Amino acid sequence: MLSQGETITGEGYAPAHITGFFTICMAEEPIRSGSTGAGICIAGGVRTRLLAREGHMPGFELRCNGSPISSPTCSYVASKMVPQSERYAVTADQESVLPANYGYGISGSSALSLAISINRAFKMGMRLREVASVAHAAEVVNATGLGDVLAEVMGGLEVRVSPGGPGIGVARQIPLSKDYVVVSTPVYEYQTRSMITERPLVNRINRLGKQALEAFLESPTVENFMLQSRRFWDGVGLSNDTIRAVLRRYEAAGVTPSAKKGLVFAIVERDQLKKALRSLAEANVESESPPVNLKMPGGLKLIVSEIHRSGIEWESV
């Protein structure tokens, strides 16, 4: 127990995750709900710094990049994990270079990094599976995601072959034979809730996701991942005219893109990156070393991210 007015702190980090294709698998228990499919984990996810103090007005406050925000998903994590929460004023400051609600899996990163920071701050001694299970359940209960937490724990280019949260779902990392980075353009916000709850859309996602996963497992390469992702999202049909225009611009720059919700992305070989960025930004690129934040003609962002290959480094948690 803390002495009156004593402050404790904890820190956690989780990478972001871009889903290429997926199926929706719901069960009565949140931990058994999830998705199958594949995606790529990238750096620049969410870092959480937690401060808890006993003897002050109890409650939970969340800020992202300096601004107060409301997140039912993170509030769920805090309510399940903070011991004797009625005794503590808890503040979580989160930072990310990537925007939420575009397709970067930020809700999962937020929940997972918060869970890690609480475990560290209160010296709870929970295992990775236990901490990540709380974050996964928070996503499922609040309809903000299904497979991002399991993927972010795994890292790299990952494939989920069995649905469920950590300890239930089965995921594995696909080895990368070359040095790649991820280029992306956030175009418009799209809430995950409607995508995983509207029955006609769920049926279409499940049919196309099953086809994409089967085709990818036959040839688990970066090239096939991008091909199956493009076919999946084209079939799901969420793209608008701006998304399609950005896809064409990526193609004209010599890279193979896909869209995910309101996001366009491509996995690019590092030695081809400067050429691609010059074409996409129509400008001289001084440095292509991530993180890079450029703009395309018209003002849309170009974000270059390293692939987060390692997953969660649990030995330091």
C-alpha atoms as a PDB file:
ATOM      1  CA  MET A   1       0.000   0.000   0.000  1.00  0.00           C
ATOM      2  CA  LEU A   2       1.215   3.504  -0.774  1.00  0.00           C
ATOM      3  CA  SER A   3       1.883   5.973   2.010  1.00  0.00           C
ATOM      4  CA  GLN A   4      -0.281   9.082   1.996  1.00  0.00           C
ATOM      5  CA  GLY A   5       0.580  11.214  -1.040  1.00  0.00           C
ATOM      6  CA  GLU A   6       3.219   8.819  -2.406  1.00  0.00           C
ATOM      7  CA  THR A   7       3.409   8.614  -6.183  1.00  0.00           C
ATOM      8  CA  ILE A   8       4.138   5.530  -8.244  1.00  0.00           C
ATOM      9  CA  THR A   9       4.837   5.363 -11.963  1.00  0.00           C
ATOM     10  CA  GLY A  10       4.958   2.780 -14.718  1.00  0.00           C
ATOM     11  CA  GLU A  11       5.593   2.790 -18.442  1.00  0.00           C
ATOM     12  CA  GLY A  12       4.510   0.547 -21.297  1.00  0.00           C
ATOM     13  CA  TYR A  13       4.766   0.438 -25.086  1.00  0.00           C
ATOM     14  CA  ALA A  14       2.922  -1.488 -27.787  1.00  0.00           C
ATOM     15  CA  PRO A  15       3.457  -1.275 -31.562  1.00  0.00           C
ATOM     16  CA  ALA A  16       0.775  -0.382 -34.070  1.00  0.00           C
ATOM     17  CA  HIS A  17      -0.753  -2.957 -36.397  1.00  0.00           C
ATOM     18  CA  ILE A  18      -2.195  -2.728 -39.919  1.00  0.00           C
ATOM     19  CA  THR A  19      -4.519  -5.610 -40.776  1.00  0.00           C
ATOM     20  CA  GLY A  20      -4.295  -6.887 -44.336  1.00  0.00           C
ATOM     21  CA  PHE A  21      -7.328  -9.196 -44.176  1.00  0.00           C
ATOM     22  CA  PHE A  22      -9.326 -10.929 -41.479  1.00  0.00           C
ATOM     23  CA  THR A  23     -12.385 -12.906 -40.456  1.00  0.00           C
ATOM     24  CA  ILE A  24     -14.642 -12.080 -37.500  1.00  0.00           C
ATOM     25  CA  CYS A  25     -15.071 -14.775 -34.863  1.00  0.00           C
ATOM     26  CA  MET A  26     -17.369 -13.936 -31.931  1.00  0.00           C
ATOM     27  CA  ALA A  27     -17.959 -16.090 -28.844  1.00  0.00           C
ATOM     28  CA  GLU A  28     -19.733 -15.651 -25.516  1.00  0.00           C
ATOM     29  CA  GLU A  29     -16.438 -15.057 -23.699  1.00  0.00           C
ATOM     30  CA  PRO A  30     -14.414 -12.054 -24.905  1.00  0.00           C
ATOM     31  CA  ILE A  31     -11.159 -14.004 -24.565  1.00  0.00           C
ATOM     32  CA  ARG A  32     -12.466 -16.587 -27.064  1.00  0.00           C
ATOM     33  CA  SER A  33     -13.619 -13.921 -29.523  1.00  0.00           C
ATOM     34  CA  GLY A  34     -11.139 -12.628 -32.059  1.00  0.00           C
ATOM     35  CA  SER A  35     -10.132 -12.899 -35.677  1.00  0.00           C
ATOM     36  CA  THR A  36      -8.050 -14.879 -38.089  1.00  0.00           C
ATOM     37  CA  GLY A  37      -6.051 -13.162 -40.807  1.00  0.00           C
ATOM     38  CA  ALA A  38      -2.736 -11.406 -41.270  1.00  0.00           C
ATOM     39  CA  GLY A  39      -1.194  -8.006 -40.696  1.00  0.00           C
ATOM     40  CA  ILE A  40       2.008  -6.050 -40.209  1.00  0.00           C
ATOM     41  CA  CYS A  41       3.211  -4.487 -36.933  1.00  0.00           C
ATOM     42  CA  ILE A  42       4.925  -1.097 -37.140  1.00  0.00           C
ATOM     43  CA  ALA A  43       6.840   1.186 -34.787  1.00  0.00           C
ATOM     44  CA  GLY A  44       5.297   4.412 -33.565  1.00  0.00           C
ATOM     45  CA  GLY A  45       2.407   2.716 -31.775  1.00  0.00           C
ATOM     46  CA  VAL A  46       1.509   3.922 -28.273  1.00  0.00           C
ATOM     47  CA  ARG A  47       3.715   4.650 -25.275  1.00  0.00           C
ATOM     48  CA  THR A  48       1.940   5.067 -21.937  1.00  0.00           C
ATOM     49  CA  ARG A  49       3.368   6.752 -18.859  1.00  0.00           C
ATOM     50  CA  LEU A  50       1.243   6.083 -15.795  1.00  0.00           C
ATOM     51  CA  LEU A  51       1.151   8.097 -12.594  1.00  0.00           C
ATOM     52  CA  ALA A  52      -0.895   6.945  -9.573  1.00  0.00           C
ATOM     53  CA  ARG A  53      -1.251   8.747  -6.253  1.00  0.00           C
ATOM     54  CA  GLU A  54      -3.073   7.680  -3.134  1.00  0.00           C
ATOM     55  CA  GLY A  55      -4.918  10.188  -0.986  1.00  0.00           C
ATOM     56  CA  HIS A  56      -6.157  12.385  -3.824  1.00  0.00           C
ATOM     57  CA  MET A  57      -9.450  12.492  -5.701  1.00  0.00           C
ATOM     58  CA  PRO A  58      -9.766   8.900  -7.036  1.00  0.00           C
ATOM     59  CA  GLY A  59     -10.439   8.263 -10.700  1.00  0.00           C
ATOM     60  CA  PHE A  60      -8.847   7.622 -14.081  1.00  0.00           C
ATOM     61  CA  GLU A  61      -7.711  10.332 -16.499  1.00  0.00           C
ATOM     62  CA  LEU A  62      -6.363   9.654 -19.997  1.00  0.00           C
ATOM     63  CA  ARG A  63      -4.420  12.027 -22.225  1.00  0.00           C
ATOM     64  CA  CYS A  64      -3.007  11.459 -25.692  1.00  0.00           C
ATOM     65  CA  ASN A  65      -0.268  13.707 -27.069  1.00  0.00           C
ATOM     66  CA  GLY A  66      -1.097  16.203 -24.330  1.00  0.00           C
ATOM     67  CA  SER A  67      -4.871  16.409 -24.845  1.00  0.00           C
ATOM     68  CA  PRO A  68      -7.549  14.810 -22.615  1.00  0.00           C
ATOM     69  CA  ILE A  69      -9.429  12.022 -24.383  1.00  0.00           C
ATOM     70  CA  SER A  70     -12.188   9.549 -23.588  1.00  0.00           C
ATOM     71  CA  SER A  71     -11.569   5.871 -24.315  1.00  0.00           C
ATOM     72  CA  PRO A  72     -14.005   3.240 -23.038  1.00  0.00           C
ATOM     73  CA  THR A  73     -11.432   0.617 -24.024  1.00  0.00           C
ATOM     74  CA  CYS A  74      -8.706   2.106 -21.818  1.00  0.00           C
ATOM     75  CA  SER A  75     -11.215   2.814 -19.036  1.00  0.00           C
ATOM     76  CA  TYR A  76     -12.114  -0.888 -19.099  1.00  0.00           C
ATOM     77  CA  VAL A  77      -8.436  -1.825 -18.697  1.00  0.00           C
ATOM     78  CA  ALA A  78      -8.019   0.559 -15.765  1.00  0.00           C
ATOM     79  CA  SER A  79     -11.182  -0.705 -14.056  1.00  0.00           C
ATOM     80  CA  LYS A  80     -10.026  -4.325 -14.317  1.00  0.00           C
ATOM     81  CA  MET A  81      -6.391  -3.835 -13.365  1.00  0.00           C
ATOM     82  CA  VAL A  82      -5.871  -0.932 -10.945  1.00  0.00           C
ATOM     83  CA  PRO A  83      -5.947  -2.502  -7.470  1.00  0.00           C
ATOM     84  CA  GLN A  84      -8.228  -0.784  -4.951  1.00  0.00           C
ATOM     85  CA  SER A  85      -9.068   1.800  -7.613  1.00  0.00           C
ATOM     86  CA  GLU A  86     -11.249   3.749  -5.197  1.00  0.00           C
ATOM     87  CA  ARG A  87      -8.039   4.783  -3.378  1.00  0.00           C
ATOM     88  CA  TYR A  88      -6.050   6.140  -6.322  1.00  0.00           C
ATOM     89  CA  ALA A  89      -5.982   9.062  -8.706  1.00  0.00           C
ATOM     90  CA  VAL A  90      -4.550   7.529 -11.872  1.00  0.00           C
ATOM     91  CA  THR A  91      -3.331   9.543 -14.859  1.00  0.00           C
ATOM     92  CA  ALA A  92      -2.177   7.891 -18.087  1.00  0.00           C
ATOM     93  CA  ASP A  93      -0.263  10.036 -20.591  1.00  0.00           C
ATOM     94  CA  GLN A  94      -0.085   8.370 -23.995  1.00  0.00           C
ATOM     95  CA  GLU A  95       1.993   9.341 -27.016  1.00  0.00           C
ATOM     96  CA  SER A  96       1.773   8.177 -30.622  1.00  0.00           C
ATOM     97  CA  VAL A  97       2.899   9.529 -33.985  1.00  0.00           C
ATOM     98  CA  LEU A  98       0.014   7.669 -35.639  1.00  0.00           C
ATOM     99  CA  PRO A  99      -3.621   8.858 -35.669  1.00  0.00           C
ATOM    100  CA  ALA A 100      -6.440   6.806 -34.138  1.00  0.00           C
ATOM    101  CA  ASN A 101      -9.473   5.466 -36.051  1.00  0.00           C
ATOM    102  CA  TYR A 102      -7.757   5.221 -39.443  1.00  0.00           C
ATOM    103  CA  GLY A 103      -6.611   1.593 -39.398  1.00  0.00           C
ATOM    104  CA  TYR A 104      -3.356   1.507 -37.410  1.00  0.00           C
ATOM    105  CA  GLY A 105      -4.726  -0.632 -34.561  1.00  0.00           C
ATOM    106  CA  ILE A 106      -4.195   2.241 -32.116  1.00  0.00           C
ATOM    107  CA  SER A 107      -7.028   1.236 -29.793  1.00  0.00           C
ATOM    108  CA  GLY A 108      -5.282  -2.100 -29.243  1.00  0.00           C
ATOM    109  CA  SER A 109      -1.904  -0.393 -28.768  1.00  0.00           C
ATOM    110  CA  SER A 110      -3.448   2.015 -26.263  1.00  0.00           C
ATOM    111  CA  ALA A 111      -5.086  -0.747 -24.248  1.00  0.00           C
ATOM    112  CA  LEU A 112      -2.017  -3.000 -24.285  1.00  0.00           C
ATOM    113  CA  SER A 113       0.507  -0.296 -23.383  1.00  0.00           C
ATOM    114  CA  LEU A 114      -1.798   0.909 -20.585  1.00  0.00           C
ATOM    115  CA  ALA A 115      -2.126  -2.634 -19.209  1.00  0.00           C
ATOM    116  CA  ILE A 116       1.665  -3.021 -19.243  1.00  0.00           C
ATOM    117  CA  SER A 117       2.156   0.314 -17.461  1.00  0.00           C
ATOM    118  CA  ILE A 118      -0.364  -0.593 -14.726  1.00  0.00           C
ATOM    119  CA  ASN A 119       1.320  -3.969 -14.202  1.00  0.00           C
ATOM    120  CA  ARG A 120       4.690  -2.236 -13.827  1.00  0.00           C
ATOM    121  CA  ALA A 121       3.490   0.645 -11.652  1.00  0.00           C
ATOM    122  CA  PHE A 122       1.715  -1.541  -9.108  1.00  0.00           C
ATOM    123  CA  LYS A 123       4.334  -4.344  -9.312  1.00  0.00           C
ATOM    124  CA  MET A 124       1.572  -6.857  -9.942  1.00  0.00           C
ATOM    125  CA  GLY A 125       3.838  -9.524 -11.418  1.00  0.00           C
ATOM    126  CA  MET A 126       1.332 -10.539 -14.100  1.00  0.00           C
ATOM    127  CA  ARG A 127       2.509 -12.596 -17.049  1.00  0.00           C
ATOM    128  CA  LEU A 128       2.337 -11.270 -20.605  1.00  0.00           C
ATOM    129  CA  ARG A 129      -0.626 -13.507 -21.423  1.00  0.00           C
ATOM    130  CA  GLU A 130      -2.586 -12.171 -18.443  1.00  0.00           C
ATOM    131  CA  VAL A 131      -1.855  -8.518 -19.157  1.00  0.00           C
ATOM    132  CA  ALA A 132      -2.566  -8.838 -22.878  1.00  0.00           C
ATOM    133  CA  SER A 133      -5.781 -10.775 -22.184  1.00  0.00           C
ATOM    134  CA  VAL A 134      -7.205  -7.770 -20.323  1.00  0.00           C
ATOM    135  CA  ALA A 135      -6.386  -5.503 -23.265  1.00  0.00           C
ATOM    136  CA  HIS A 136      -7.904  -7.985 -25.720  1.00  0.00           C
ATOM    137  CA  ALA A 137     -11.102  -8.273 -23.688  1.00  0.00           C
ATOM    138  CA  ALA A 138     -11.326  -4.469 -23.509  1.00  0.00           C
ATOM    139  CA  GLU A 139     -11.230  -4.294 -27.306  1.00  0.00           C
ATOM    140  CA  VAL A 140     -13.856  -6.997 -27.789  1.00  0.00           C
ATOM    141  CA  VAL A 141     -16.273  -5.648 -25.155  1.00  0.00           C
ATOM    142  CA  ASN A 142     -16.077  -2.134 -26.608  1.00  0.00           C
ATOM    143  CA  ALA A 143     -16.076  -3.267 -30.279  1.00  0.00           C
ATOM    144  CA  THR A 144     -12.841  -1.413 -31.074  1.00  0.00           C
ATOM    145  CA  GLY A 145     -10.892  -4.425 -32.332  1.00  0.00           C
ATOM    146  CA  LEU A 146     -10.592  -8.205 -32.415  1.00  0.00           C
ATOM    147  CA  GLY A 147      -7.084  -9.333 -33.351  1.00  0.00           C
ATOM    148  CA  ASP A 148      -4.777  -6.347 -32.920  1.00  0.00           C
ATOM    149  CA  VAL A 149      -3.623  -7.160 -29.381  1.00  0.00           C
ATOM    150  CA  LEU A 150      -2.623 -10.720 -30.232  1.00  0.00           C
ATOM    151  CA  ALA A 151      -0.845  -9.432 -33.350  1.00  0.00           C
ATOM    152  CA  GLU A 152       0.970  -6.675 -31.454  1.00  0.00           C
ATOM    153  CA  VAL A 153       2.229  -9.194 -28.920  1.00  0.00           C
ATOM    154  CA  MET A 154       3.616 -11.273 -31.811  1.00  0.00           C
ATOM    155  CA  GLY A 155       5.195  -8.471 -33.886  1.00  0.00           C
ATOM    156  CA  GLY A 156       6.430  -8.404 -37.480  1.00  0.00           C
ATOM    157  CA  LEU A 157       4.402  -9.752 -40.383  1.00  0.00           C
ATOM    158  CA  GLU A 158       2.029 -12.039 -38.521  1.00  0.00           C
ATOM    159  CA  VAL A 159      -0.710 -14.499 -39.385  1.00  0.00           C
ATOM    160  CA  ARG A 160      -3.487 -15.510 -36.983  1.00  0.00           C
ATOM    161  CA  VAL A 161      -4.663 -19.014 -37.789  1.00  0.00           C
ATOM    162  CA  SER A 162      -6.963 -19.547 -34.783  1.00  0.00           C
ATOM    163  CA  PRO A 163      -9.173 -16.854 -33.188  1.00  0.00           C
ATOM    164  CA  GLY A 164      -9.105 -15.657 -29.601  1.00  0.00           C
ATOM    165  CA  GLY A 165      -7.042 -13.588 -27.233  1.00  0.00           C
ATOM    166  CA  PRO A 166      -3.559 -14.400 -25.893  1.00  0.00           C
ATOM    167  CA  GLY A 167      -3.397 -17.974 -24.642  1.00  0.00           C
ATOM    168  CA  ILE A 168      -6.389 -18.948 -26.810  1.00  0.00           C
ATOM    169  CA  GLY A 169      -5.718 -17.615 -30.294  1.00  0.00           C
ATOM    170  CA  VAL A 170      -2.795 -18.906 -32.344  1.00  0.00           C
ATOM    171  CA  ALA A 171      -0.513 -16.539 -34.250  1.00  0.00           C
ATOM    172  CA  ARG A 172       2.896 -16.881 -35.816  1.00  0.00           C
ATOM    173  CA  GLN A 173       5.390 -14.506 -37.355  1.00  0.00           C
ATOM    174  CA  ILE A 174       6.326 -14.781 -41.029  1.00  0.00           C
ATOM    175  CA  PRO A 175      10.088 -14.328 -41.643  1.00  0.00           C
ATOM    176  CA  LEU A 176      10.996 -11.329 -43.799  1.00  0.00           C
ATOM    177  CA  SER A 177      13.621 -12.112 -46.422  1.00  0.00           C
ATOM    178  CA  LYS A 178      14.463  -8.453 -47.216  1.00  0.00           C
ATOM    179  CA  ASP A 179      14.814  -5.104 -45.444  1.00  0.00           C
ATOM    180  CA  TYR A 180      11.385  -3.489 -45.596  1.00  0.00           C
ATOM    181  CA  VAL A 181       9.661  -0.396 -44.247  1.00  0.00           C
ATOM    182  CA  VAL A 182       5.984   0.586 -44.345  1.00  0.00           C
ATOM    183  CA  VAL A 183       4.694   3.700 -46.117  1.00  0.00           C
ATOM    184  CA  SER A 184       1.163   4.807 -45.273  1.00  0.00           C
ATOM    185  CA  THR A 185      -1.340   7.601 -45.848  1.00  0.00           C
ATOM    186  CA  PRO A 186      -4.241   8.156 -43.430  1.00  0.00           C
ATOM    187  CA  VAL A 187      -7.171   9.411 -45.514  1.00  0.00           C
ATOM    188  CA  TYR A 188     -10.333   9.355 -43.396  1.00  0.00           C
ATOM    189  CA  GLU A 189     -11.557   8.068 -40.040  1.00  0.00           C
ATOM    190  CA  TYR A 190     -13.646   4.911 -39.902  1.00  0.00           C
ATOM    191  CA  GLN A 191     -14.946   3.362 -36.683  1.00  0.00           C
ATOM    192  CA  THR A 192     -14.218  -0.344 -36.241  1.00  0.00           C
ATOM    193  CA  ARG A 193     -17.551  -0.922 -34.460  1.00  0.00           C
ATOM    194  CA  SER A 194     -19.651  -0.661 -37.633  1.00  0.00           C
ATOM    195  CA  MET A 195     -17.276  -2.945 -39.518  1.00  0.00           C
ATOM    196  CA  ILE A 196     -17.495  -5.815 -37.028  1.00  0.00           C
ATOM    197  CA  THR A 197     -21.169  -5.533 -36.014  1.00  0.00           C
ATOM    198  CA  GLU A 198     -23.186  -4.819 -39.180  1.00  0.00           C
ATOM    199  CA  ARG A 199     -24.344  -8.235 -40.353  1.00  0.00           C
ATOM    200  CA  PRO A 200     -24.173  -7.797 -44.189  1.00  0.00           C
ATOM    201  CA  LEU A 201     -20.655  -6.369 -43.865  1.00  0.00           C
ATOM    202  CA  VAL A 202     -19.599  -9.094 -41.410  1.00  0.00           C
ATOM    203  CA  ASN A 203     -20.780 -11.792 -43.834  1.00  0.00           C
ATOM    204  CA  ARG A 204     -18.821 -10.239 -46.704  1.00  0.00           C
ATOM    205  CA  ILE A 205     -15.700  -9.814 -44.558  1.00  0.00           C
ATOM    206  CA  ASN A 206     -15.834 -13.431 -43.398  1.00  0.00           C
ATOM    207  CA  ARG A 207     -16.241 -14.811 -46.905  1.00  0.00           C
ATOM    208  CA  LEU A 208     -13.442 -12.709 -48.393  1.00  0.00           C
ATOM    209  CA  GLY A 209     -11.209 -13.066 -45.339  1.00  0.00           C
ATOM    210  CA  LYS A 210     -11.382 -16.863 -45.471  1.00  0.00           C
ATOM    211  CA  GLN A 211     -10.397 -16.821 -49.139  1.00  0.00           C
ATOM    212  CA  ALA A 212      -7.515 -14.403 -48.504  1.00  0.00           C
ATOM    213  CA  LEU A 213      -6.147 -16.392 -45.563  1.00  0.00           C
ATOM    214  CA  GLU A 214      -6.198 -19.677 -47.481  1.00  0.00           C
ATOM    215  CA  ALA A 215      -4.439 -18.066 -50.450  1.00  0.00           C
ATOM    216  CA  PHE A 216      -1.821 -16.406 -48.228  1.00  0.00           C
ATOM    217  CA  LEU A 217      -0.994 -19.602 -46.345  1.00  0.00           C
ATOM    218  CA  GLU A 218      -0.227 -21.279 -49.670  1.00  0.00           C
ATOM    219  CA  SER A 219       2.480 -18.654 -50.275  1.00  0.00           C
ATOM    220  CA  PRO A 220       3.268 -16.610 -47.118  1.00  0.00           C
ATOM    221  CA  THR A 221       5.312 -13.807 -48.684  1.00  0.00           C
ATOM    222  CA  VAL A 222       5.201 -10.019 -48.473  1.00  0.00           C
ATOM    223  CA  GLU A 223       4.133  -9.839 -52.108  1.00  0.00           C
ATOM    224  CA  ASN A 224       1.248 -12.262 -51.592  1.00  0.00           C
ATOM    225  CA  PHE A 225       0.242 -10.515 -48.373  1.00  0.00           C
ATOM    226  CA  MET A 226      -0.155  -7.240 -50.261  1.00  0.00           C
ATOM    227  CA  LEU A 227      -1.986  -8.973 -53.133  1.00  0.00           C
ATOM    228  CA  GLN A 228      -4.468 -10.693 -50.845  1.00  0.00           C
ATOM    229  CA  SER A 229      -4.925  -7.534 -48.791  1.00  0.00           C
ATOM    230  CA  ARG A 230      -5.778  -5.495 -51.904  1.00  0.00           C
ATOM    231  CA  ARG A 231      -8.232  -8.109 -53.125  1.00  0.00           C
ATOM    232  CA  PHE A 232      -9.834  -8.333 -49.677  1.00  0.00           C
ATOM    233  CA  TRP A 233     -10.374  -4.608 -49.144  1.00  0.00           C
ATOM    234  CA  ASP A 234     -11.470  -4.042 -52.752  1.00  0.00           C
ATOM    235  CA  GLY A 235     -14.093  -6.738 -52.183  1.00  0.00           C
ATOM    236  CA  VAL A 236     -15.197  -5.358 -48.807  1.00  0.00           C
ATOM    237  CA  GLY A 237     -15.921  -2.100 -50.605  1.00  0.00           C
ATOM    238  CA  LEU A 238     -15.158   0.606 -48.027  1.00  0.00           C
ATOM    239  CA  SER A 239     -13.009   2.706 -50.365  1.00  0.00           C
ATOM    240  CA  ASN A 240     -14.125   6.136 -51.509  1.00  0.00           C
ATOM    241  CA  ASP A 241     -12.868   8.248 -54.427  1.00  0.00           C
ATOM    242  CA  THR A 242     -10.014   9.727 -52.393  1.00  0.00           C
ATOM    243  CA  ILE A 243      -8.784   6.289 -51.302  1.00  0.00           C
ATOM    244  CA  ARG A 244      -8.860   5.085 -54.901  1.00  0.00           C
ATOM    245  CA  ALA A 245      -6.945   8.174 -56.060  1.00  0.00           C
ATOM    246  CA  VAL A 246      -4.253   7.584 -53.414  1.00  0.00           C
ATOM    247  CA  LEU A 247      -3.996   3.921 -54.430  1.00  0.00           C
ATOM    248  CA  ARG A 248      -3.391   4.994 -58.034  1.00  0.00           C
ATOM    249  CA  ARG A 249      -0.742   7.483 -56.917  1.00  0.00           C
ATOM    250  CA  TYR A 250       1.103   4.768 -54.980  1.00  0.00           C
ATOM    251  CA  GLU A 251       0.966   2.513 -58.035  1.00  0.00           C
ATOM    252  CA  ALA A 252       2.354   5.317 -60.218  1.00  0.00           C
ATOM    253  CA  ALA A 253       5.254   5.588 -57.750  1.00  0.00           C
ATOM    254  CA  GLY A 254       6.142   1.947 -58.438  1.00  0.00           C
ATOM    255  CA  VAL A 255       4.907   0.363 -55.212  1.00  0.00           C
ATOM    256  CA  THR A 256       2.085  -2.116 -54.578  1.00  0.00           C
ATOM    257  CA  PRO A 257      -0.487  -0.605 -52.187  1.00  0.00           C
ATOM    258  CA  SER A 258      -3.587  -1.740 -50.358  1.00  0.00           C
ATOM    259  CA  ALA A 259      -6.253   0.063 -48.342  1.00  0.00           C
ATOM    260  CA  LYS A 260      -7.473  -0.730 -44.837  1.00  0.00           C
ATOM    261  CA  LYS A 261     -10.506   1.184 -43.557  1.00  0.00           C
ATOM    262  CA  GLY A 262      -9.452   4.823 -44.165  1.00  0.00           C
ATOM    263  CA  LEU A 263      -5.767   4.060 -44.702  1.00  0.00           C
ATOM    264  CA  VAL A 264      -3.558   3.347 -47.731  1.00  0.00           C
ATOM    265  CA  PHE A 265      -0.323   1.454 -47.074  1.00  0.00           C
ATOM    266  CA  ALA A 266       2.511  -0.358 -48.813  1.00  0.00           C
ATOM    267  CA  ILE A 267       5.465  -2.477 -47.716  1.00  0.00           C
ATOM    268  CA  VAL A 268       8.519  -1.121 -49.534  1.00  0.00           C
ATOM    269  CA  GLU A 269      12.074  -2.403 -49.832  1.00  0.00           C
ATOM    270  CA  ARG A 270      14.354   0.098 -48.104  1.00  0.00           C
ATOM    271  CA  ASP A 271      16.612   0.593 -51.110  1.00  0.00           C
ATOM    272  CA  GLN A 272      13.565   1.586 -53.180  1.00  0.00           C
ATOM    273  CA  LEU A 273      12.153   3.965 -50.573  1.00  0.00           C
ATOM    274  CA  LYS A 274      13.740   7.274 -51.567  1.00  0.00           C
ATOM    275  CA  LYS A 275      12.631   6.880 -55.176  1.00  0.00           C
ATOM    276  CA  ALA A 276       9.080   6.051 -54.102  1.00  0.00           C
ATOM    277  CA  LEU A 277       8.885   8.972 -51.676  1.00  0.00           C
ATOM    278  CA  ARG A 278      10.163  11.450 -54.264  1.00  0.00           C
ATOM    279  CA  SER A 279       7.411  10.350 -56.602  1.00  0.00           C
ATOM    280  CA  LEU A 280       4.689  10.296 -53.948  1.00  0.00           C
ATOM    281  CA  ALA A 281       5.591  13.651 -52.411  1.00  0.00           C
ATOM    282  CA  GLU A 282       6.748  15.285 -55.649  1.00  0.00           C
ATOM    283  CA  ALA A 283       9.605  16.761 -53.657  1.00  0.00           C
ATOM    284  CA  ASN A 284      13.262  16.190 -52.944  1.00  0.00           C
ATOM    285  CA  VAL A 285      13.560  13.859 -49.946  1.00  0.00           C
ATOM    286  CA  GLU A 286      16.483  14.716 -47.692  1.00  0.00           C
ATOM    287  CA  SER A 287      16.214  11.630 -45.492  1.00  0.00           C
ATOM    288  CA  GLU A 288      14.152   8.495 -45.805  1.00  0.00           C
ATOM    289  CA  SER A 289      15.108   7.057 -42.408  1.00  0.00           C
ATOM    290  CA  PRO A 290      11.966   6.481 -40.298  1.00  0.00           C
ATOM    291  CA  PRO A 291      10.204   8.146 -38.761  1.00  0.00           C
ATOM    292  CA  VAL A 292       9.445  10.310 -41.800  1.00  0.00           C
ATOM    293  CA  ASN A 293       6.377  12.535 -42.074  1.00  0.00           C
ATOM    294  CA  LEU A 294       5.931  14.087 -45.509  1.00  0.00           C
ATOM    295  CA  LYS A 295       2.908  15.303 -47.456  1.00  0.00           C
ATOM    296  CA  MET A 296       1.527  14.377 -50.829  1.00  0.00           C
ATOM    297  CA  PRO A 297       0.250  17.014 -53.240  1.00  0.00           C
ATOM    298  CA  GLY A 298      -3.110  18.043 -51.794  1.00  0.00           C
ATOM    299  CA  GLY A 299      -1.944  17.790 -48.203  1.00  0.00           C
ATOM    300  CA  LEU A 300      -2.421  14.126 -47.276  1.00  0.00           C
ATOM    301  CA  LYS A 301       0.311  12.717 -45.045  1.00  0.00           C
ATOM    302  CA  LEU A 302       3.011  10.270 -46.030  1.00  0.00           C
ATOM    303  CA  ILE A 303       4.214   8.338 -42.982  1.00  0.00           C
ATOM    304  CA  VAL A 304       7.226   6.021 -43.119  1.00  0.00           C
ATOM    305  CA  SER A 305       7.461   3.473 -40.294  1.00  0.00           C
ATOM    306  CA  GLU A 306       9.891   0.763 -39.321  1.00  0.00           C
ATOM    307  CA  ILE A 307       8.464  -2.734 -39.044  1.00  0.00           C
ATOM    308  CA  HIS A 308       8.283  -3.692 -35.371  1.00  0.00           C
ATOM    309  CA  ARG A 309       9.773  -7.166 -35.627  1.00  0.00           C
ATOM    310  CA  SER A 310      10.262  -8.158 -32.021  1.00  0.00           C
ATOM    311  CA  GLY A 311       6.778  -8.123 -30.506  1.00  0.00           C
ATOM    312  CA  ILE A 312       6.461  -7.217 -26.833  1.00  0.00           C
ATOM    313  CA  GLU A 313       9.757  -7.409 -24.916  1.00  0.00           C
ATOM    314  CA  TRP A 314       8.357  -9.020 -21.791  1.00  0.00           C
ATOM    315  CA  GLU A 315      11.565  -9.536 -19.867  1.00  0.00           C
ATOM    316  CA  SER A 316      11.535  -5.831 -18.974  1.00  0.00           C
ATOM    317  CA  VAL A 317       7.870  -5.722 -17.948  1.00  0.00           C
END
